[in-house]
Amino acid sequence: QLQLVESGGGLVQPGGSVRLSCAASGFTLEYYTIGWFRQAPGKEREGVSCISSSGRNTNYADSVKGRFTISRDNAKNTVYLRMNSLKPEDTAVYYCAAVYLQFLCAEVGMDYWGKGTLVTVSS
């Protein structure tokens, strides 16, 4: 079964850090662009960051630039999202998604989605 599984979410204090992981099972991530998306309570899902299959190209939403870093380890079949200087407005369910070959950073067109992991930023 082809699936993506996110992990690493939880409760973190404002200003804190957390690293999310997106692991694939049933297929290799090596040829996929991976995107991170998030959905805050009462809001629509939005794009956060994405990384090309090679890792050479990345993209970030303005709201997270300079605070979040996306990376990948194809040997471990995993993509990471390091989130620093977290703010309460970063509270959301974070999803990873994969699209084959093309460098795409939009919800439409993603081939696979994980079920999400909740990050709560609160004191």
Protein backbone atom coordinates (compact mmCIF):
# COMPACT_ATOMS: atom_id res chain seq x y z
CA GLN A 1 0.00 0.00 0.00
CA LEU A 2 1.35 3.39 -1.01
CA GLN A 3 1.21 5.93 1.77
CA LEU A 4 2.83 8.91 3.43
CA VAL A 5 3.03 9.15 7.18
CA GLU A 6 3.76 12.36 9.06
CA SER A 7 5.19 12.44 12.55
CA GLY A 8 6.78 14.84 15.00
CA GLY A 9 3.84 17.02 15.87
CA GLY A 10 2.84 17.96 19.39
CA LEU A 11 2.59 20.82 21.82
CA VAL A 12 5.38 23.38 21.68
CA GLN A 13 5.83 26.74 23.35
CA PRO A 14 6.01 29.97 21.37
CA GLY A 15 9.54 30.52 20.18
CA GLY A 16 10.23 26.82 20.29
CA SER A 17 11.19 24.36 17.58
CA VAL A 18 9.99 21.08 16.21
CA ARG A 19 10.94 18.84 13.33
CA LEU A 20 8.29 17.08 11.32
CA SER A 21 9.01 13.97 9.30
CA CYS A 22 7.24 12.62 6.24
CA ALA A 23 8.02 8.98 5.57
CA ALA A 24 6.91 6.97 2.58
CA SER A 25 5.98 3.36 2.50
CA GLY A 26 5.25 1.29 -0.55
CA PHE A 27 7.18 3.58 -2.87
CA THR A 28 10.39 5.56 -3.01
CA LEU A 29 10.35 9.31 -2.57
CA GLU A 30 13.45 9.74 -4.68
CA TYR A 31 11.50 10.80 -7.80
CA TYR A 32 8.89 12.91 -6.07
CA THR A 33 8.56 16.54 -5.19
CA ILE A 34 7.31 16.75 -1.61
CA GLY A 35 5.16 19.54 -0.29
CA TRP A 36 4.18 20.46 3.23
CA PHE A 37 0.76 22.00 3.72
CA ARG A 38 -1.13 23.04 6.82
CA GLN A 39 -4.68 23.67 7.89
CA ALA A 40 -5.41 25.81 10.90
CA PRO A 41 -8.73 25.56 12.74
CA GLY A 42 -11.44 27.26 10.74
CA LYS A 43 -9.15 28.04 7.83
CA GLU A 44 -8.42 26.59 4.43
CA ARG A 45 -5.41 24.45 3.84
CA GLU A 46 -2.38 26.38 2.64
CA GLY A 47 1.02 25.58 1.22
CA VAL A 48 4.00 25.86 3.54
CA SER A 49 7.03 24.57 1.68
CA CYS A 50 8.11 22.16 -1.01
CA ILE A 51 11.29 20.50 -2.18
CA SER A 52 12.17 19.01 -5.54
CA SER A 53 13.13 15.37 -5.99
CA SER A 54 16.83 16.25 -6.10
CA GLY A 55 16.59 18.62 -3.18
CA ARG A 56 18.15 21.43 -5.20
CA ASN A 57 14.95 23.48 -5.42
CA THR A 58 12.85 24.62 -2.50
CA ASN A 59 10.00 27.02 -1.97
CA TYR A 60 8.52 28.61 1.14
CA ALA A 61 5.42 30.57 1.99
CA ASP A 62 6.20 34.14 3.01
CA SER A 63 4.81 33.50 6.48
CA VAL A 64 7.48 30.87 7.24
CA LYS A 65 10.52 32.14 5.33
CA GLY A 66 13.55 32.34 7.56
CA ARG A 67 11.94 30.16 10.23
CA PHE A 68 11.19 26.85 8.50
CA THR A 69 13.60 24.64 6.59
CA ILE A 70 12.64 21.75 4.36
CA SER A 71 15.12 18.96 3.63
CA ARG A 72 15.14 15.40 2.45
CA ASP A 73 17.10 12.22 2.94
CA ASN A 74 16.30 9.97 0.02
CA ALA A 75 18.33 7.16 1.54
CA LYS A 76 15.89 7.16 4.46
CA ASN A 77 12.90 7.79 2.18
CA THR A 78 11.99 10.73 4.38
CA VAL A 79 11.43 14.46 4.06
CA TYR A 80 11.72 16.82 7.01
CA LEU A 81 10.35 20.20 7.97
CA ARG A 82 12.32 21.95 10.64
CA MET A 83 10.24 24.68 12.25
CA ASN A 84 11.94 27.30 14.43
CA SER A 85 10.70 30.41 16.20
CA LEU A 86 7.20 29.00 16.28
CA LYS A 87 4.25 31.31 16.75
CA PRO A 88 0.71 30.58 17.91
CA GLU A 89 -0.48 31.22 14.36
CA ASP A 90 1.59 28.23 13.21
CA THR A 91 -0.86 25.99 15.05
CA ALA A 92 -2.33 23.64 12.47
CA VAL A 93 -2.51 20.12 11.15
CA TYR A 94 0.50 19.66 8.90
CA TYR A 95 0.26 17.41 5.88
CA CYS A 96 2.86 16.19 3.46
CA ALA A 97 2.06 15.36 -0.14
CA ALA A 98 3.97 13.95 -3.08
CA VAL A 99 3.88 14.53 -6.82
CA TYR A 100 5.88 12.53 -9.33
CA LEU A 101 8.84 14.24 -11.01
CA GLN A 102 7.49 17.77 -11.61
CA PHE A 103 8.39 20.60 -9.24
CA LEU A 104 4.92 21.47 -8.07
CA CYS A 105 4.08 23.39 -4.93
CA ALA A 106 0.30 23.41 -5.07
CA GLU A 107 -2.40 21.19 -3.64
CA VAL A 108 -3.90 20.46 -7.03
CA GLY A 109 -2.04 17.71 -8.76
CA MET A 110 -0.46 16.02 -5.76
CA ASP A 111 -0.48 12.26 -6.15
CA TYR A 112 -0.34 11.16 -2.52
CA TRP A 113 -1.27 12.70 0.81
CA GLY A 114 -0.56 11.82 4.40
CA LYS A 115 -3.17 12.04 7.14
CA GLY A 116 -1.44 14.88 8.94
CA THR A 117 0.17 15.63 12.27
CA LEU A 118 -1.04 18.31 14.67
CA VAL A 119 1.29 21.05 15.83
CA THR A 120 0.00 23.23 18.65
CA VAL A 121 1.97 26.32 19.61
CA SER A 122 0.84 27.52 23.00
CA SER A 123 2.19 28.44 26.39
